[in-house]
Amino acid sequence: MGLNIPAANVVILYGPWWKSKWEQQAIKRAHRPGQTREVIAIRMQANNCRVETYRAKIRDKKHKHNSTIVRQITRKDGDVPKVWTDLE
């Protein structure tokens, strides 16, 4: 059972979804065929909350992990690794 919103033109997002695609879908639903009014999307988010701290930790972990990978696959001497020559 879905939500029927034939006259909605305001979307209020109170809390962050873990999947940004869900937020985009909620906003796009208000931009439905036949909509004649301007659609307004409002995002309300508290600062210094657990969600913000959690997202910052995840971002930092990803950055550290990606930096480690780049450091491992980058050669200082400019030689091409044997793995790449085997692909030719």
N, C-alpha and C. Protein backbone atom coordinates (compact mmCIF):
# COMPACT_ATOMS: atom_id res chain seq x y z
N MET A 1 0.86 -1.16 0.00
CA MET A 1 0.00 0.00 0.00
C MET A 1 0.91 1.22 0.00
N GLY A 2 0.75 2.08 -0.99
CA GLY A 2 1.56 3.28 -1.09
C GLY A 2 0.81 4.51 -0.63
N LEU A 3 1.50 5.60 -0.59
CA LEU A 3 0.93 6.87 -0.18
C LEU A 3 0.41 7.58 -1.42
N ASN A 4 -0.85 7.98 -1.41
CA ASN A 4 -1.46 8.67 -2.54
C ASN A 4 -1.38 10.18 -2.28
N ILE A 5 -0.62 10.89 -3.09
CA ILE A 5 -0.42 12.31 -2.87
C ILE A 5 -0.79 13.12 -4.11
N PRO A 6 -2.07 13.16 -4.48
CA PRO A 6 -2.44 13.84 -5.71
C PRO A 6 -2.30 15.36 -5.67
N ALA A 7 -2.28 15.97 -4.50
CA ALA A 7 -2.22 17.43 -4.43
C ALA A 7 -0.98 17.95 -3.73
N ALA A 8 -0.04 17.11 -3.42
CA ALA A 8 1.15 17.54 -2.67
C ALA A 8 2.10 18.34 -3.54
N ASN A 9 2.62 19.44 -2.99
CA ASN A 9 3.64 20.20 -3.69
C ASN A 9 4.78 20.60 -2.74
N VAL A 10 4.75 20.10 -1.50
CA VAL A 10 5.81 20.36 -0.53
C VAL A 10 6.33 19.01 -0.01
N VAL A 11 7.64 18.84 -0.05
CA VAL A 11 8.27 17.63 0.48
C VAL A 11 9.17 18.07 1.63
N ILE A 12 8.94 17.52 2.81
CA ILE A 12 9.76 17.85 3.98
C ILE A 12 10.52 16.60 4.40
N LEU A 13 11.83 16.69 4.37
CA LEU A 13 12.70 15.59 4.77
C LEU A 13 13.24 15.93 6.16
N TYR A 14 12.78 15.21 7.18
CA TYR A 14 13.16 15.50 8.56
C TYR A 14 14.49 14.87 8.96
N GLY A 15 14.70 13.66 8.56
CA GLY A 15 15.92 12.96 8.96
C GLY A 15 16.61 12.41 7.73
N PRO A 16 17.91 12.25 7.79
CA PRO A 16 18.62 11.72 6.63
C PRO A 16 18.35 10.23 6.42
N TRP A 17 18.09 9.85 5.20
CA TRP A 17 17.96 8.44 4.85
C TRP A 17 19.36 7.91 4.61
N TRP A 18 19.54 6.65 4.84
CA TRP A 18 20.85 6.05 4.62
C TRP A 18 21.11 5.89 3.13
N LYS A 19 20.04 5.86 2.36
CA LYS A 19 20.19 5.76 0.90
C LYS A 19 19.64 7.05 0.29
N SER A 20 20.52 7.82 -0.33
CA SER A 20 20.11 9.11 -0.90
C SER A 20 19.10 8.94 -2.03
N LYS A 21 19.10 7.78 -2.68
CA LYS A 21 18.13 7.53 -3.76
C LYS A 21 16.70 7.59 -3.23
N TRP A 22 16.48 7.22 -1.98
CA TRP A 22 15.13 7.26 -1.40
C TRP A 22 14.68 8.71 -1.23
N GLU A 23 15.60 9.57 -0.84
CA GLU A 23 15.26 10.99 -0.73
C GLU A 23 14.92 11.56 -2.10
N GLN A 24 15.72 11.23 -3.10
CA GLN A 24 15.46 11.71 -4.45
C GLN A 24 14.11 11.22 -4.96
N GLN A 25 13.76 9.98 -4.65
CA GLN A 25 12.48 9.43 -5.08
C GLN A 25 11.33 10.18 -4.42
N ALA A 26 11.45 10.52 -3.16
CA ALA A 26 10.39 11.26 -2.47
C ALA A 26 10.17 12.63 -3.11
N ILE A 27 11.24 13.29 -3.49
CA ILE A 27 11.13 14.59 -4.14
C ILE A 27 10.55 14.45 -5.54
N LYS A 28 10.99 13.45 -6.28
CA LYS A 28 10.50 13.25 -7.65
C LYS A 28 9.03 12.88 -7.70
N ARG A 29 8.52 12.25 -6.65
CA ARG A 29 7.10 11.88 -6.63
C ARG A 29 6.22 13.12 -6.64
N ALA A 30 6.70 14.21 -6.04
CA ALA A 30 5.93 15.45 -6.06
C ALA A 30 5.97 16.11 -7.44
N HIS A 31 6.99 15.79 -8.23
CA HIS A 31 7.11 16.29 -9.61
C HIS A 31 6.43 15.30 -10.56
N ARG A 32 5.20 14.99 -10.31
CA ARG A 32 4.50 13.99 -11.11
C ARG A 32 3.87 14.64 -12.34
N PRO A 33 3.48 13.86 -13.33
CA PRO A 33 2.79 14.41 -14.49
C PRO A 33 1.49 15.09 -14.06
N GLY A 34 1.22 16.25 -14.61
CA GLY A 34 0.02 16.99 -14.27
C GLY A 34 0.21 17.99 -13.15
N GLN A 35 1.38 18.01 -12.55
CA GLN A 35 1.65 18.98 -11.47
C GLN A 35 1.75 20.37 -12.08
N THR A 36 0.93 21.29 -11.60
CA THR A 36 0.94 22.65 -12.13
C THR A 36 1.55 23.64 -11.15
N ARG A 37 1.65 23.27 -9.88
CA ARG A 37 2.20 24.17 -8.87
C ARG A 37 3.70 23.94 -8.70
N GLU A 38 4.38 24.95 -8.18
CA GLU A 38 5.80 24.83 -7.89
C GLU A 38 6.00 23.85 -6.74
N VAL A 39 6.96 22.96 -6.89
CA VAL A 39 7.26 21.97 -5.85
C VAL A 39 8.40 22.48 -4.98
N ILE A 40 8.22 22.41 -3.68
CA ILE A 40 9.21 22.88 -2.72
C ILE A 40 9.70 21.68 -1.90
N ALA A 41 11.02 21.52 -1.83
CA ALA A 41 11.62 20.46 -1.02
C ALA A 41 12.40 21.12 0.12
N ILE A 42 12.07 20.73 1.34
CA ILE A 42 12.71 21.30 2.53
C ILE A 42 13.43 20.17 3.26
N ARG A 43 14.70 20.39 3.57
CA ARG A 43 15.48 19.39 4.31
C ARG A 43 15.84 19.97 5.67
N MET A 44 15.42 19.29 6.72
CA MET A 44 15.72 19.73 8.08
C MET A 44 16.67 18.71 8.69
N GLN A 45 17.79 19.21 9.23
CA GLN A 45 18.77 18.31 9.81
C GLN A 45 19.41 18.97 11.02
N ALA A 46 19.55 18.22 12.08
CA ALA A 46 20.19 18.73 13.30
C ALA A 46 21.70 18.64 13.15
N ASN A 47 22.38 19.63 13.68
CA ASN A 47 23.84 19.63 13.67
C ASN A 47 24.36 18.94 14.93
N ASN A 48 25.56 18.40 14.82
CA ASN A 48 26.24 17.74 15.94
C ASN A 48 25.41 16.59 16.52
N CYS A 49 24.80 15.82 15.67
CA CYS A 49 24.03 14.67 16.14
C CYS A 49 24.80 13.38 15.81
N ARG A 50 24.27 12.27 16.29
CA ARG A 50 24.95 10.99 16.08
C ARG A 50 25.05 10.63 14.60
N VAL A 51 24.03 10.97 13.83
CA VAL A 51 24.03 10.63 12.41
C VAL A 51 25.16 11.36 11.70
N GLU A 52 25.32 12.63 12.00
CA GLU A 52 26.38 13.43 11.38
C GLU A 52 27.76 12.87 11.76
N THR A 53 27.93 12.50 13.01
CA THR A 53 29.19 11.92 13.48
C THR A 53 29.46 10.59 12.79
N TYR A 54 28.42 9.77 12.65
CA TYR A 54 28.55 8.47 12.00
C TYR A 54 28.96 8.64 10.54
N ARG A 55 28.30 9.57 9.83
CA ARG A 55 28.64 9.80 8.42
C ARG A 55 30.08 10.29 8.28
N ALA A 56 30.53 11.13 9.20
CA ALA A 56 31.90 11.64 9.15
C ALA A 56 32.90 10.50 9.35
N LYS A 57 32.60 9.58 10.27
CA LYS A 57 33.49 8.44 10.50
C LYS A 57 33.56 7.55 9.26
N ILE A 58 32.42 7.28 8.65
CA ILE A 58 32.39 6.46 7.43
C ILE A 58 33.18 7.14 6.32
N ARG A 59 32.99 8.45 6.15
CA ARG A 59 33.72 9.20 5.12
C ARG A 59 35.21 9.11 5.36
N ASP A 60 35.65 9.26 6.61
CA ASP A 60 37.07 9.19 6.93
C ASP A 60 37.64 7.79 6.70
N LYS A 61 36.87 6.75 7.03
CA LYS A 61 37.31 5.37 6.79
C LYS A 61 37.49 5.12 5.30
N LYS A 62 36.53 5.59 4.50
CA LYS A 62 36.62 5.39 3.04
C LYS A 62 37.84 6.12 2.48
N HIS A 63 38.07 7.34 2.96
CA HIS A 63 39.22 8.11 2.48
C HIS A 63 40.53 7.40 2.83
N LYS A 64 40.63 6.91 4.06
CA LYS A 64 41.85 6.20 4.49
C LYS A 64 42.06 4.94 3.66
N HIS A 65 40.97 4.18 3.43
CA HIS A 65 41.05 2.95 2.66
C HIS A 65 41.48 3.25 1.22
N ASN A 66 40.85 4.24 0.59
CA ASN A 66 41.18 4.59 -0.79
C ASN A 66 42.60 5.10 -0.91
N SER A 67 43.06 5.86 0.07
CA SER A 67 44.43 6.36 0.05
C SER A 67 45.43 5.22 0.13
N THR A 68 45.12 4.22 0.95
CA THR A 68 45.99 3.05 1.08
C THR A 68 46.08 2.30 -0.24
N ILE A 69 44.96 2.13 -0.91
CA ILE A 69 44.95 1.42 -2.19
C ILE A 69 45.76 2.18 -3.22
N VAL A 70 45.53 3.48 -3.33
CA VAL A 70 46.27 4.29 -4.31
C VAL A 70 47.77 4.25 -4.02
N ARG A 71 48.14 4.33 -2.75
CA ARG A 71 49.55 4.28 -2.38
C ARG A 71 50.17 2.94 -2.78
N GLN A 72 49.43 1.84 -2.63
CA GLN A 72 49.96 0.52 -2.94
C GLN A 72 50.13 0.29 -4.44
N ILE A 73 49.24 0.87 -5.25
CA ILE A 73 49.32 0.60 -6.69
C ILE A 73 50.14 1.65 -7.45
N THR A 74 50.59 2.70 -6.76
CA THR A 74 51.39 3.74 -7.40
C THR A 74 52.86 3.43 -7.23
N ARG A 75 53.58 3.39 -8.34
CA ARG A 75 55.01 3.10 -8.30
C ARG A 75 55.79 4.40 -8.20
N LYS A 76 56.82 4.41 -7.39
CA LYS A 76 57.64 5.60 -7.22
C LYS A 76 58.65 5.75 -8.36
N ASP A 77 59.08 4.62 -8.94
CA ASP A 77 60.13 4.66 -9.96
C ASP A 77 59.59 4.85 -11.38
N GLY A 78 58.28 4.87 -11.57
CA GLY A 78 57.71 5.10 -12.88
C GLY A 78 57.60 3.86 -13.75
N ASP A 79 58.08 2.70 -13.29
CA ASP A 79 57.96 1.48 -14.07
C ASP A 79 56.51 1.00 -14.08
N VAL A 80 56.14 0.36 -15.15
CA VAL A 80 54.81 -0.22 -15.25
C VAL A 80 54.84 -1.58 -14.57
N PRO A 81 53.92 -1.86 -13.66
CA PRO A 81 53.90 -3.17 -13.02
C PRO A 81 53.70 -4.29 -14.03
N LYS A 82 54.25 -5.45 -13.76
CA LYS A 82 54.15 -6.59 -14.66
C LYS A 82 52.71 -7.00 -14.92
N VAL A 83 51.87 -6.76 -13.97
CA VAL A 83 50.46 -7.13 -14.13
C VAL A 83 49.87 -6.43 -15.33
N TRP A 84 50.21 -5.15 -15.54
CA TRP A 84 49.65 -4.39 -16.64
C TRP A 84 50.23 -4.83 -17.98
N THR A 85 51.49 -5.25 -18.02
CA THR A 85 52.06 -5.68 -19.29
C THR A 85 51.50 -7.03 -19.71
N ASP A 86 51.06 -7.83 -18.75
CA ASP A 86 50.47 -9.13 -19.08
C ASP A 86 49.10 -8.99 -19.77
N LEU A 87 48.47 -7.85 -19.60
CA LEU A 87 47.13 -7.65 -20.17
C LEU A 87 47.19 -7.32 -21.66
N GLU A 88 48.32 -6.89 -22.15
CA GLU A 88 48.43 -6.48 -23.56
C GLU A 88 48.48 -7.67 -24.49
